[in-house]
Amino acid sequence: MPLPAGTDAFLELAFAAQLPLAWMGAELTETGDGTVTITVPFRDDLTTAGTGVVMGGIIATIADVAAGLSVITRLDPPRPITTLDFTSHQITAARGGQIVAVGQVEKVGRSFAVAGADVFVVKDGERQKCARLTATFAVA
């Protein structure tokens, strides 16, 4: 199913408005009907000091944005949303490679939506899930 008119441009603006993502070096790498992928290159300054493990807050931020943008792909017309709550489960340590968050919408209602994101570490061509987020959003 094609995205609603103007959705790609709206997603780009919404992504660019998330200033911490620019600091992280995040890129909006893929969008589709109900899905969004965000990629962040591994950097030492994204890790918990001395561990080489990407901080949980960084992982949760990327996942929250991917899940939220996936909701926007299903709104016609596209419009802002607000995170109401989320639960993030770290599965394994994220070390090295790229951090890739794949957001997927679960359900969109008139005023609320539910979406999730799986987060992976991609290193040497291997992809390992490191976190899962589930979130509820208010739809404007």
Protein backbone atom coordinates (compact mmCIF):
# COMPACT_ATOMS: atom_id res chain seq x y z
CA MET A 1 0.00 0.00 0.00
CA PRO A 2 1.49 3.41 -0.93
CA LEU A 3 2.16 5.98 1.77
CA PRO A 4 -0.32 8.88 2.07
CA ALA A 5 0.60 11.95 0.00
CA GLY A 6 3.24 14.09 1.67
CA THR A 7 4.26 11.38 4.16
CA ASP A 8 7.89 11.09 3.03
CA ALA A 9 8.43 14.84 3.34
CA PHE A 10 6.67 14.90 6.73
CA LEU A 11 8.83 12.01 7.97
CA GLU A 12 12.01 13.78 6.89
CA LEU A 13 10.96 16.94 8.75
CA ALA A 14 9.90 15.02 11.86
CA PHE A 15 13.18 13.10 11.85
CA ALA A 16 15.26 16.28 11.39
CA ALA A 17 13.40 17.95 14.29
CA GLN A 18 14.78 15.33 16.71
CA LEU A 19 18.06 17.14 17.43
CA PRO A 20 19.63 14.36 19.55
CA LEU A 21 19.48 12.12 16.48
CA ALA A 22 21.75 14.51 14.57
CA TRP A 23 24.26 14.43 17.43
CA MET A 24 24.15 10.61 17.33
CA GLY A 25 24.78 10.58 13.58
CA ALA A 26 21.45 8.83 12.97
CA GLU A 27 20.07 8.37 9.47
CA LEU A 28 16.53 7.62 8.36
CA THR A 29 17.50 4.70 6.13
CA GLU A 30 14.17 3.18 5.12
CA THR A 31 10.46 4.00 5.22
CA GLY A 32 7.48 1.91 4.18
CA ASP A 33 3.85 1.26 4.94
CA GLY A 34 3.91 0.88 8.72
CA THR A 35 7.69 0.60 9.04
CA VAL A 36 10.67 2.89 9.54
CA THR A 37 14.36 2.04 9.90
CA ILE A 38 16.92 4.28 11.61
CA THR A 39 20.65 3.54 11.54
CA VAL A 40 23.29 4.91 13.90
CA PRO A 41 27.02 4.22 13.53
CA PHE A 42 28.78 2.96 16.64
CA ARG A 43 30.87 5.62 18.38
CA ASP A 44 32.71 5.50 21.69
CA ASP A 45 30.91 8.62 22.94
CA LEU A 46 27.58 6.76 22.73
CA THR A 47 28.77 4.15 25.23
CA THR A 48 28.72 3.86 28.98
CA ALA A 49 32.17 5.07 30.06
CA GLY A 50 34.81 2.41 29.78
CA THR A 51 32.51 -0.47 28.79
CA GLY A 52 32.23 -0.17 25.01
CA VAL A 53 28.48 -0.82 25.36
CA VAL A 54 26.01 1.64 23.82
CA MET A 55 23.97 3.31 26.58
CA GLY A 56 20.43 2.06 27.10
CA GLY A 57 19.10 5.61 26.77
CA ILE A 58 20.60 5.90 23.30
CA ILE A 59 19.04 2.58 22.29
CA ALA A 60 15.65 3.60 23.73
CA THR A 61 15.74 6.98 21.97
CA ILE A 62 16.42 5.48 18.57
CA ALA A 63 13.73 2.83 19.10
CA ASP A 64 11.14 5.38 20.31
CA VAL A 65 11.64 7.55 17.24
CA ALA A 66 11.53 4.56 14.85
CA ALA A 67 8.29 3.32 16.44
CA GLY A 68 6.75 6.80 16.39
CA LEU A 69 7.63 7.48 12.78
CA SER A 70 6.17 4.11 11.81
CA VAL A 71 2.83 5.37 13.16
CA ILE A 72 3.06 8.48 10.99
CA THR A 73 3.34 6.29 7.88
CA ARG A 74 -0.25 5.18 8.54
CA LEU A 75 -1.77 8.63 9.19
CA ASP A 76 -3.67 10.31 6.37
CA PRO A 77 -2.91 13.15 6.39
CA PRO A 78 0.45 12.74 8.18
CA ARG A 79 0.57 14.70 11.44
CA PRO A 80 2.46 14.93 14.73
CA ILE A 81 2.26 12.30 17.44
CA THR A 82 3.46 12.27 21.04
CA THR A 83 4.91 9.37 23.00
CA LEU A 84 2.69 8.62 26.00
CA ASP A 85 4.72 5.72 27.38
CA PHE A 86 7.13 3.02 26.36
CA THR A 87 8.81 -0.06 27.72
CA SER A 88 12.30 -0.90 26.55
CA HIS A 89 13.93 -4.26 27.16
CA GLN A 90 17.66 -4.59 26.61
CA ILE A 91 18.35 -8.14 25.39
CA THR A 92 22.10 -8.08 24.95
CA ALA A 93 24.93 -5.54 25.01
CA ALA A 94 25.25 -3.38 21.90
CA ARG A 95 28.96 -3.27 21.03
CA GLY A 96 30.51 -2.06 17.79
CA GLY A 97 29.02 -2.11 14.31
CA GLN A 98 25.88 -0.16 13.52
CA ILE A 99 22.78 0.21 15.65
CA VAL A 100 19.66 -0.36 13.55
CA ALA A 101 16.15 0.28 14.89
CA VAL A 102 13.23 -1.08 12.89
CA GLY A 103 9.93 0.49 13.96
CA GLN A 104 6.64 -1.18 13.12
CA VAL A 105 3.13 0.07 13.77
CA GLU A 106 0.77 -2.36 15.51
CA LYS A 107 -2.49 -0.41 15.61
CA VAL A 108 -3.62 3.12 14.85
CA GLY A 109 -6.85 4.45 16.30
CA ARG A 110 -8.46 7.89 16.21
CA SER A 111 -6.53 9.27 19.18
CA PHE A 112 -4.01 6.59 20.18
CA ALA A 113 -1.57 4.27 18.42
CA VAL A 114 0.61 1.35 19.47
CA ALA A 115 3.93 0.55 17.81
CA GLY A 116 7.16 -1.21 18.57
CA ALA A 117 10.76 -1.36 17.49
CA ASP A 118 13.37 -4.06 17.37
CA VAL A 119 16.94 -2.84 17.71
CA PHE A 120 19.86 -4.72 16.21
CA VAL A 121 23.62 -4.52 16.22
CA VAL A 122 24.92 -5.12 12.70
CA LYS A 123 28.60 -6.05 12.60
CA ASP A 124 30.56 -7.95 9.97
CA GLY A 125 27.34 -8.71 8.08
CA GLU A 126 25.74 -10.34 11.13
CA ARG A 127 22.59 -8.92 12.72
CA GLN A 128 21.88 -9.55 16.41
CA LYS A 129 18.83 -8.23 18.26
CA CYS A 130 19.88 -6.17 21.28
CA ALA A 131 16.60 -4.54 22.39
CA ARG A 132 12.81 -4.41 21.97
CA LEU A 133 10.58 -1.40 22.64
CA THR A 134 6.79 -1.18 22.79
CA ALA A 135 5.14 2.25 22.92
CA THR A 136 1.80 4.04 23.01
CA PHE A 137 1.39 7.34 21.17
CA ALA A 138 -1.19 10.14 21.21
CA VAL A 139 -2.33 11.00 17.68
CA ALA A 140 -3.02 14.71 17.06
